[in-house]
Amino acid sequence: MWIADSDEEARDQALNGILGRTWRDYLLPLFTYGPNPLVNVMKHDESLSNASVTAEYLADHLWLVGSPETVTKKIKELYEISGGFGVLLPMVVDHSDENEAWQKCMRLLVEKLCQGLQI
């Protein structure tokens, strides 16, 4: 999850910060390994190759990235598709190099999303 003032800003920060780096350098190589790679469940279209699943693909199709309005919409859609859930647990990585942006992301989560979600 990454929230910023605009969709473009959030996508840029997510992909060019530690979130994108963690997925590019560690998680995607791990999830594409083996005879039944976990990356298969991350595709919105089964016909896509595993190589098509990049950090950019995930930011566009799987991650909760965007403005408060966009992320609120994505959470509501996820809630409906899944049949509901009790909590939302964002993945957290070491944001010490981008602490100001991370704090803003969390502030927007609390101040904008939590108020906008009535699920």
C-alpha atoms as a PDB file:
ATOM      1  CA  MET A   1       0.000   0.000   0.000  1.00  0.00           C
ATOM      2  CA  TRP A   2       1.273   3.452  -0.905  1.00  0.00           C
ATOM      3  CA  ILE A   3      -0.817   6.614  -0.724  1.00  0.00           C
ATOM      4  CA  ALA A   4       0.117  10.104  -1.912  1.00  0.00           C
ATOM      5  CA  ASP A   5      -1.735  13.225  -2.991  1.00  0.00           C
ATOM      6  CA  SER A   6      -2.155  11.966  -6.575  1.00  0.00           C
ATOM      7  CA  ASP A   7      -2.150   8.629  -8.368  1.00  0.00           C
ATOM      8  CA  GLU A   8       0.941   9.620 -10.334  1.00  0.00           C
ATOM      9  CA  GLU A   9       2.890  10.666  -7.240  1.00  0.00           C
ATOM     10  CA  ALA A  10       1.945   7.485  -5.380  1.00  0.00           C
ATOM     11  CA  ARG A  11       2.924   5.235  -8.290  1.00  0.00           C
ATOM     12  CA  ASP A  12       6.247   7.031  -8.715  1.00  0.00           C
ATOM     13  CA  GLN A  13       7.078   6.834  -5.005  1.00  0.00           C
ATOM     14  CA  ALA A  14       6.015   3.191  -4.753  1.00  0.00           C
ATOM     15  CA  LEU A  15       8.027   2.076  -7.774  1.00  0.00           C
ATOM     16  CA  ASN A  16      11.114   4.197  -7.157  1.00  0.00           C
ATOM     17  CA  GLY A  17      11.258   3.696  -3.407  1.00  0.00           C
ATOM     18  CA  ILE A  18      11.952   0.730  -1.185  1.00  0.00           C
ATOM     19  CA  LEU A  19       8.606  -0.912  -2.022  1.00  0.00           C
ATOM     20  CA  GLY A  20       9.515  -1.264  -5.710  1.00  0.00           C
ATOM     21  CA  ARG A  21      13.078  -2.254  -4.876  1.00  0.00           C
ATOM     22  CA  THR A  22      11.931  -4.956  -2.436  1.00  0.00           C
ATOM     23  CA  TRP A  23       9.660  -6.485  -5.062  1.00  0.00           C
ATOM     24  CA  ARG A  24      12.166  -6.174  -7.937  1.00  0.00           C
ATOM     25  CA  ASP A  25      15.235  -7.398  -6.063  1.00  0.00           C
ATOM     26  CA  TYR A  26      13.791  -9.932  -3.648  1.00  0.00           C
ATOM     27  CA  LEU A  27      10.123 -10.895  -3.813  1.00  0.00           C
ATOM     28  CA  LEU A  28       9.572 -11.286  -7.567  1.00  0.00           C
ATOM     29  CA  PRO A  29      12.674 -13.450  -8.035  1.00  0.00           C
ATOM     30  CA  LEU A  30      11.524 -15.541  -5.076  1.00  0.00           C
ATOM     31  CA  PHE A  31       7.920 -15.779  -6.303  1.00  0.00           C
ATOM     32  CA  THR A  32       8.908 -16.785  -9.866  1.00  0.00           C
ATOM     33  CA  TYR A  33      11.078 -19.690  -8.708  1.00  0.00           C
ATOM     34  CA  GLY A  34      10.100 -23.341  -8.967  1.00  0.00           C
ATOM     35  CA  PRO A  35       7.650 -25.486 -10.917  1.00  0.00           C
ATOM     36  CA  ASN A  36       4.530 -23.765  -9.480  1.00  0.00           C
ATOM     37  CA  PRO A  37       5.587 -20.172  -8.976  1.00  0.00           C
ATOM     38  CA  LEU A  38       3.478 -17.990  -6.696  1.00  0.00           C
ATOM     39  CA  VAL A  39       3.584 -15.238  -9.310  1.00  0.00           C
ATOM     40  CA  ASN A  40       0.843 -17.144 -11.180  1.00  0.00           C
ATOM     41  CA  VAL A  41      -1.781 -15.988  -8.644  1.00  0.00           C
ATOM     42  CA  MET A  42      -0.740 -12.361  -9.116  1.00  0.00           C
ATOM     43  CA  LYS A  43      -1.872 -12.168 -12.739  1.00  0.00           C
ATOM     44  CA  HIS A  44      -5.184 -10.623 -13.744  1.00  0.00           C
ATOM     45  CA  ASP A  45      -4.914 -12.621 -16.985  1.00  0.00           C
ATOM     46  CA  GLU A  46      -3.595 -16.201 -16.852  1.00  0.00           C
ATOM     47  CA  SER A  47      -2.246 -15.969 -20.395  1.00  0.00           C
ATOM     48  CA  LEU A  48       0.411 -13.442 -19.335  1.00  0.00           C
ATOM     49  CA  SER A  49       3.938 -14.727 -19.033  1.00  0.00           C
ATOM     50  CA  ASN A  50       5.618 -14.757 -15.640  1.00  0.00           C
ATOM     51  CA  ALA A  51       8.110 -12.237 -17.007  1.00  0.00           C
ATOM     52  CA  SER A  52       5.209  -9.827 -17.529  1.00  0.00           C
ATOM     53  CA  VAL A  53       4.702  -9.598 -13.778  1.00  0.00           C
ATOM     54  CA  THR A  54       6.982  -6.706 -12.885  1.00  0.00           C
ATOM     55  CA  ALA A  55       6.850  -4.123 -10.115  1.00  0.00           C
ATOM     56  CA  GLU A  56       5.121  -1.819 -12.612  1.00  0.00           C
ATOM     57  CA  TYR A  57       2.531  -4.496 -13.382  1.00  0.00           C
ATOM     58  CA  LEU A  58       1.914  -5.030  -9.673  1.00  0.00           C
ATOM     59  CA  ALA A  59       1.550  -1.294  -9.046  1.00  0.00           C
ATOM     60  CA  ASP A  60      -1.106  -1.152 -11.769  1.00  0.00           C
ATOM     61  CA  HIS A  61      -2.967  -4.397 -11.012  1.00  0.00           C
ATOM     62  CA  LEU A  62      -2.343  -5.656  -7.492  1.00  0.00           C
ATOM     63  CA  TRP A  63      -0.938  -3.108  -5.073  1.00  0.00           C
ATOM     64  CA  LEU A  64      -3.132  -0.564  -3.330  1.00  0.00           C
ATOM     65  CA  VAL A  65      -1.367   2.486  -4.756  1.00  0.00           C
ATOM     66  CA  GLY A  66      -2.779   5.909  -5.502  1.00  0.00           C
ATOM     67  CA  SER A  67      -4.477   8.968  -4.108  1.00  0.00           C
ATOM     68  CA  PRO A  68      -6.702   8.558  -1.032  1.00  0.00           C
ATOM     69  CA  GLU A  69      -9.744   8.401  -3.321  1.00  0.00           C
ATOM     70  CA  THR A  70      -8.191   5.757  -5.590  1.00  0.00           C
ATOM     71  CA  VAL A  71      -6.991   3.563  -2.733  1.00  0.00           C
ATOM     72  CA  THR A  72     -10.368   3.854  -0.987  1.00  0.00           C
ATOM     73  CA  LYS A  73     -12.030   2.657  -4.213  1.00  0.00           C
ATOM     74  CA  LYS A  74      -9.544  -0.234  -4.562  1.00  0.00           C
ATOM     75  CA  ILE A  75     -10.112  -1.342  -0.957  1.00  0.00           C
ATOM     76  CA  LYS A  76     -13.883  -1.260  -1.425  1.00  0.00           C
ATOM     77  CA  GLU A  77     -13.547  -3.322  -4.623  1.00  0.00           C
ATOM     78  CA  LEU A  78     -11.289  -5.822  -2.839  1.00  0.00           C
ATOM     79  CA  TYR A  79     -13.772  -6.013   0.029  1.00  0.00           C
ATOM     80  CA  GLU A  80     -16.631  -6.771  -2.357  1.00  0.00           C
ATOM     81  CA  ILE A  81     -14.689  -9.316  -4.421  1.00  0.00           C
ATOM     82  CA  SER A  82     -13.397 -11.162  -1.344  1.00  0.00           C
ATOM     83  CA  GLY A  83     -16.712 -11.262   0.481  1.00  0.00           C
ATOM     84  CA  GLY A  84     -15.361  -9.026   3.238  1.00  0.00           C
ATOM     85  CA  PHE A  85     -12.470  -9.085   5.650  1.00  0.00           C
ATOM     86  CA  GLY A  86     -11.832  -8.099   9.247  1.00  0.00           C
ATOM     87  CA  VAL A  87      -8.627  -6.101   8.966  1.00  0.00           C
ATOM     88  CA  LEU A  88      -6.335  -4.593   6.371  1.00  0.00           C
ATOM     89  CA  LEU A  89      -2.685  -5.267   7.088  1.00  0.00           C
ATOM     90  CA  PRO A  90      -0.334  -3.294   4.824  1.00  0.00           C
ATOM     91  CA  MET A  91       3.054  -4.734   3.995  1.00  0.00           C
ATOM     92  CA  VAL A  92       5.767  -2.640   5.598  1.00  0.00           C
ATOM     93  CA  VAL A  93       9.394  -2.488   4.571  1.00  0.00           C
ATOM     94  CA  ASP A  94      12.183  -0.266   5.891  1.00  0.00           C
ATOM     95  CA  HIS A  95      11.201   3.210   4.750  1.00  0.00           C
ATOM     96  CA  SER A  96      13.997   4.972   6.649  1.00  0.00           C
ATOM     97  CA  ASP A  97      15.385   6.472   3.426  1.00  0.00           C
ATOM     98  CA  GLU A  98      12.000   7.925   2.555  1.00  0.00           C
ATOM     99  CA  ASN A  99      10.625   8.530   6.028  1.00  0.00           C
ATOM    100  CA  GLU A 100       8.845  11.805   5.225  1.00  0.00           C
ATOM    101  CA  ALA A 101       6.908  10.243   2.316  1.00  0.00           C
ATOM    102  CA  TRP A 102       6.110   7.166   4.441  1.00  0.00           C
ATOM    103  CA  GLN A 103       4.781   9.308   7.288  1.00  0.00           C
ATOM    104  CA  LYS A 104       2.626  11.231   4.805  1.00  0.00           C
ATOM    105  CA  CYS A 105       1.354   7.928   3.372  1.00  0.00           C
ATOM    106  CA  MET A 106       0.324   6.754   6.851  1.00  0.00           C
ATOM    107  CA  ARG A 107      -1.194  10.154   7.708  1.00  0.00           C
ATOM    108  CA  LEU A 108      -3.312  10.020   4.534  1.00  0.00           C
ATOM    109  CA  LEU A 109      -4.362   6.475   5.439  1.00  0.00           C
ATOM    110  CA  VAL A 110      -5.616   7.583   8.835  1.00  0.00           C
ATOM    111  CA  GLU A 111      -7.012  10.993   7.933  1.00  0.00           C
ATOM    112  CA  LYS A 112      -8.526  10.279   4.518  1.00  0.00           C
ATOM    113  CA  LEU A 113      -9.049   6.564   3.993  1.00  0.00           C
ATOM    114  CA  CYS A 114     -10.263   5.532   7.409  1.00  0.00           C
ATOM    115  CA  GLN A 115     -12.910   8.247   7.222  1.00  0.00           C
ATOM    116  CA  GLY A 116     -13.895   7.315   3.670  1.00  0.00           C
ATOM    117  CA  LEU A 117     -14.251   3.594   4.256  1.00  0.00           C
ATOM    118  CA  GLN A 118     -17.637   2.540   5.499  1.00  0.00           C
ATOM    119  CA  ILE A 119     -17.367  -1.209   4.988  1.00  0.00           C
END
